[in-house]
Amino acid sequence: LLTIVLILIANFTFKGKKNILFSIALIGLLVSTIAVILSLSPQGKTAINNFFQKDLLSEISQILILFSTACSLIYGKKENPATAEFYSTFLFATFGGMLLTIANDLTVLLVSLEALAISLYLLIAMQEANSKSAESAFKYFLMNSLGFAFITFSFAILYGISGSTLIENIVNFLEANTFNASLFILSLVMACA
């Protein structure tokens, strides 16, 4: 998020110099990658009332997300004249993906999914030269809204069954109690739809 702010400030300070924006984005990704690598540990860590859970798998996933973002920016520099809005939106999508890997609560999971999805259809709509980009972004928005409604309803069913939004508490409840399996199956089907 700090990199996004720096890119927006640099856009107003260094007007017309796209290489500076590209450099700030790559340096921000490099610093984030180094921070994730330095925090690697085999045992899991939780934060903010267990809303976030970081373990080795989530850290490796974050490194892969950061690496693929850097590769995409390098490739995209050749294909597309990038603006500050492009870099900021792309990095916000990266933030949503990284948040998704450490989500341990259904609400955090929904927020991170939406941060990722909104950024992606903004990136689709940014290509003004392509006449189909606005249409594609609108179709993606409609499909995403429908999918988000299904996932939200399935999470509401899981909350109704277990009484908690923490994934760990939901799993513990499902293991310890007998419940109406048809509701649980319905929530799984809706989440996968």
Protein backbone atom coordinates (compact mmCIF):
# COMPACT_ATOMS: atom_id res chain seq x y z
CA LEU A 1 0.00 0.00 0.00
CA LEU A 2 2.91 2.34 0.66
CA THR A 3 4.15 1.70 -2.87
CA ILE A 4 0.75 2.74 -4.26
CA VAL A 5 0.93 6.02 -2.34
CA LEU A 6 4.50 6.62 -3.54
CA ILE A 7 3.45 5.98 -7.15
CA LEU A 8 0.60 8.48 -6.90
CA ILE A 9 2.89 11.10 -5.34
CA ALA A 10 5.57 10.48 -7.99
CA ASN A 11 2.94 10.83 -10.72
CA PHE A 12 2.25 14.41 -9.63
CA THR A 13 5.90 15.22 -8.93
CA PHE A 14 7.49 13.74 -12.08
CA LYS A 15 4.87 14.29 -14.78
CA GLY A 16 5.47 12.33 -17.98
CA LYS A 17 8.26 10.12 -16.62
CA LYS A 18 6.80 6.63 -16.78
CA ASN A 19 10.12 4.92 -15.99
CA ILE A 20 10.10 6.39 -12.48
CA LEU A 21 6.66 4.91 -11.82
CA PHE A 22 7.81 1.55 -13.15
CA SER A 23 10.93 1.69 -10.96
CA ILE A 24 8.95 2.57 -7.84
CA ALA A 25 6.56 -0.32 -8.50
CA LEU A 26 9.39 -2.82 -8.95
CA ILE A 27 11.29 -1.54 -5.90
CA GLY A 28 8.10 -1.81 -3.83
CA LEU A 29 7.60 -5.38 -5.01
CA LEU A 30 11.24 -6.21 -4.24
CA VAL A 31 11.01 -4.73 -0.73
CA SER A 32 7.76 -6.63 -0.11
CA THR A 33 9.34 -9.87 -1.34
CA ILE A 34 12.36 -9.38 0.93
CA ALA A 35 10.04 -8.67 3.89
CA VAL A 36 8.07 -11.87 3.24
CA ILE A 37 11.27 -13.91 2.84
CA LEU A 38 12.69 -12.52 6.10
CA SER A 39 9.48 -13.43 7.93
CA LEU A 40 9.49 -17.07 6.72
CA SER A 41 8.91 -19.49 9.55
CA PRO A 42 7.61 -23.07 9.63
CA GLN A 43 5.22 -22.44 12.53
CA GLY A 44 2.05 -20.47 11.97
CA LYS A 45 1.40 -16.99 13.32
CA THR A 46 -1.94 -15.31 13.87
CA ALA A 47 -2.82 -11.64 14.16
CA ILE A 48 -5.80 -9.42 15.01
CA ASN A 49 -7.98 -11.92 16.89
CA ASN A 50 -7.03 -14.75 14.50
CA PHE A 51 -8.47 -12.91 11.48
CA PHE A 52 -5.13 -13.44 9.74
CA GLN A 53 -3.07 -16.63 9.86
CA LYS A 54 0.36 -16.77 8.32
CA ASP A 55 2.12 -20.07 7.73
CA LEU A 56 4.76 -21.40 5.37
CA LEU A 57 2.27 -22.11 2.57
CA SER A 58 0.80 -18.61 2.71
CA GLU A 59 4.26 -17.05 2.71
CA ILE A 60 5.34 -19.09 -0.33
CA SER A 61 2.07 -18.13 -2.04
CA GLN A 62 2.77 -14.47 -1.31
CA ILE A 63 6.25 -14.76 -2.79
CA LEU A 64 4.77 -16.34 -5.93
CA ILE A 65 2.15 -13.58 -6.18
CA LEU A 66 4.83 -10.88 -5.84
CA PHE A 67 7.08 -12.61 -8.39
CA SER A 68 4.26 -13.03 -10.92
CA THR A 69 3.26 -9.38 -10.43
CA ALA A 70 6.83 -8.26 -11.13
CA CYS A 71 6.99 -10.46 -14.24
CA SER A 72 3.64 -9.09 -15.43
CA LEU A 73 4.77 -5.50 -14.94
CA ILE A 74 8.01 -6.15 -16.83
CA TYR A 75 6.13 -7.82 -19.69
CA GLY A 76 3.40 -5.18 -19.64
CA LYS A 77 5.93 -2.37 -19.95
CA LYS A 78 6.71 -3.53 -23.48
CA GLU A 79 3.06 -3.97 -24.46
CA ASN A 80 1.29 -1.08 -22.77
CA PRO A 81 2.21 2.50 -21.92
CA ALA A 82 1.53 2.32 -18.20
CA THR A 83 0.14 5.14 -16.10
CA ALA A 84 0.09 5.70 -12.36
CA GLU A 85 -3.48 4.41 -12.31
CA PHE A 86 -2.37 1.19 -13.98
CA TYR A 87 0.44 0.58 -11.49
CA SER A 88 -1.71 1.50 -8.49
CA THR A 89 -4.56 -0.75 -9.57
CA PHE A 90 -2.20 -3.63 -10.38
CA LEU A 91 -0.52 -3.33 -6.99
CA PHE A 92 -3.90 -3.16 -5.25
CA ALA A 93 -4.84 -6.42 -6.98
CA THR A 94 -1.57 -7.85 -5.67
CA PHE A 95 -2.49 -6.64 -2.19
CA GLY A 96 -5.88 -8.38 -2.50
CA GLY A 97 -4.19 -11.62 -3.55
CA MET A 98 -1.70 -11.46 -0.70
CA LEU A 99 -4.47 -10.74 1.79
CA LEU A 100 -6.38 -13.71 0.41
CA THR A 101 -3.50 -16.06 1.29
CA ILE A 102 -3.56 -15.13 4.98
CA ALA A 103 -7.32 -14.75 5.50
CA ASN A 104 -8.57 -16.84 8.42
CA ASP A 105 -12.01 -15.25 8.65
CA LEU A 106 -14.89 -15.30 6.19
CA THR A 107 -15.25 -11.50 6.19
CA VAL A 108 -11.53 -10.99 5.47
CA LEU A 109 -11.84 -13.61 2.74
CA LEU A 110 -14.72 -11.69 1.15
CA VAL A 111 -12.93 -8.32 1.38
CA SER A 112 -9.73 -9.71 -0.14
CA LEU A 113 -11.66 -11.41 -2.95
CA GLU A 114 -13.42 -8.15 -3.77
CA ALA A 115 -10.19 -6.14 -3.62
CA LEU A 116 -8.70 -8.56 -6.13
CA ALA A 117 -11.77 -8.71 -8.37
CA ILE A 118 -12.50 -4.96 -8.48
CA SER A 119 -8.88 -4.25 -9.36
CA LEU A 120 -8.96 -6.83 -12.12
CA TYR A 121 -12.01 -5.45 -13.86
CA LEU A 122 -10.63 -1.92 -13.53
CA LEU A 123 -7.48 -3.17 -15.27
CA ILE A 124 -9.63 -4.69 -18.01
CA ALA A 125 -11.52 -1.43 -18.51
CA MET A 126 -8.33 0.68 -18.64
CA GLN A 127 -7.44 -0.38 -22.16
CA GLU A 128 -9.09 2.49 -24.01
CA ALA A 129 -7.55 1.51 -27.34
CA ASN A 130 -9.41 -1.80 -27.30
CA SER A 131 -13.08 -1.22 -28.09
CA LYS A 132 -14.16 -4.40 -26.31
CA SER A 133 -12.47 -3.61 -22.99
CA ALA A 134 -15.44 -1.70 -21.54
CA GLU A 135 -17.81 -4.47 -22.59
CA SER A 136 -15.50 -7.11 -21.12
CA ALA A 137 -15.18 -5.20 -17.85
CA PHE A 138 -18.96 -4.84 -17.58
CA LYS A 139 -19.52 -8.54 -18.24
CA TYR A 140 -16.84 -9.45 -15.70
CA PHE A 141 -18.47 -7.07 -13.21
CA LEU A 142 -21.86 -8.76 -13.67
CA MET A 143 -20.41 -12.25 -13.33
CA ASN A 144 -18.38 -11.19 -10.30
CA SER A 145 -21.47 -9.68 -8.66
CA LEU A 146 -23.41 -12.88 -9.13
CA GLY A 147 -20.53 -15.00 -7.83
CA PHE A 148 -20.04 -12.68 -4.87
CA ALA A 149 -23.73 -13.00 -3.99
CA PHE A 150 -23.49 -16.80 -4.01
CA ILE A 151 -20.33 -16.82 -1.91
CA THR A 152 -21.77 -14.31 0.57
CA PHE A 153 -24.92 -16.40 0.96
CA SER A 154 -22.92 -19.59 1.43
CA PHE A 155 -20.78 -17.86 4.09
CA ALA A 156 -23.98 -16.67 5.79
CA ILE A 157 -25.17 -20.28 5.92
CA LEU A 158 -21.82 -21.35 7.42
CA TYR A 159 -22.11 -18.58 9.99
CA GLY A 160 -25.67 -19.65 10.78
CA ILE A 161 -24.57 -23.25 11.28
CA SER A 162 -21.47 -22.57 13.38
CA GLY A 163 -22.07 -19.15 14.95
CA SER A 164 -18.61 -17.90 13.97
CA THR A 165 -16.88 -16.37 10.97
CA LEU A 166 -13.44 -17.67 11.92
CA ILE A 167 -12.54 -20.57 9.67
CA GLU A 168 -10.84 -22.43 12.51
CA ASN A 169 -13.98 -22.17 14.70
CA ILE A 170 -16.17 -23.35 11.82
CA VAL A 171 -13.98 -26.42 11.29
CA ASN A 172 -13.94 -27.17 15.03
CA PHE A 173 -17.74 -26.86 15.19
CA LEU A 174 -18.24 -29.12 12.18
CA GLU A 175 -15.95 -31.77 13.70
CA ALA A 176 -17.48 -31.67 17.18
CA ASN A 177 -21.22 -31.34 16.54
CA THR A 178 -23.95 -33.04 14.67
CA PHE A 179 -25.84 -30.67 12.44
CA ASN A 180 -28.03 -30.59 9.39
CA ALA A 181 -25.67 -31.81 6.67
CA SER A 182 -27.94 -30.57 3.89
CA LEU A 183 -27.29 -26.95 4.91
CA PHE A 184 -23.56 -27.53 4.90
CA ILE A 185 -23.72 -29.21 1.49
CA LEU A 186 -25.86 -26.31 0.21
CA SER A 187 -23.26 -23.79 1.39
CA LEU A 188 -20.46 -25.75 -0.31
CA VAL A 189 -22.40 -25.97 -3.57
CA MET A 190 -23.15 -22.25 -3.49
CA ALA A 191 -19.52 -21.38 -2.74
CA CYS A 192 -18.36 -23.51 -5.65
CA ALA A 193 -21.00 -22.18 -8.07
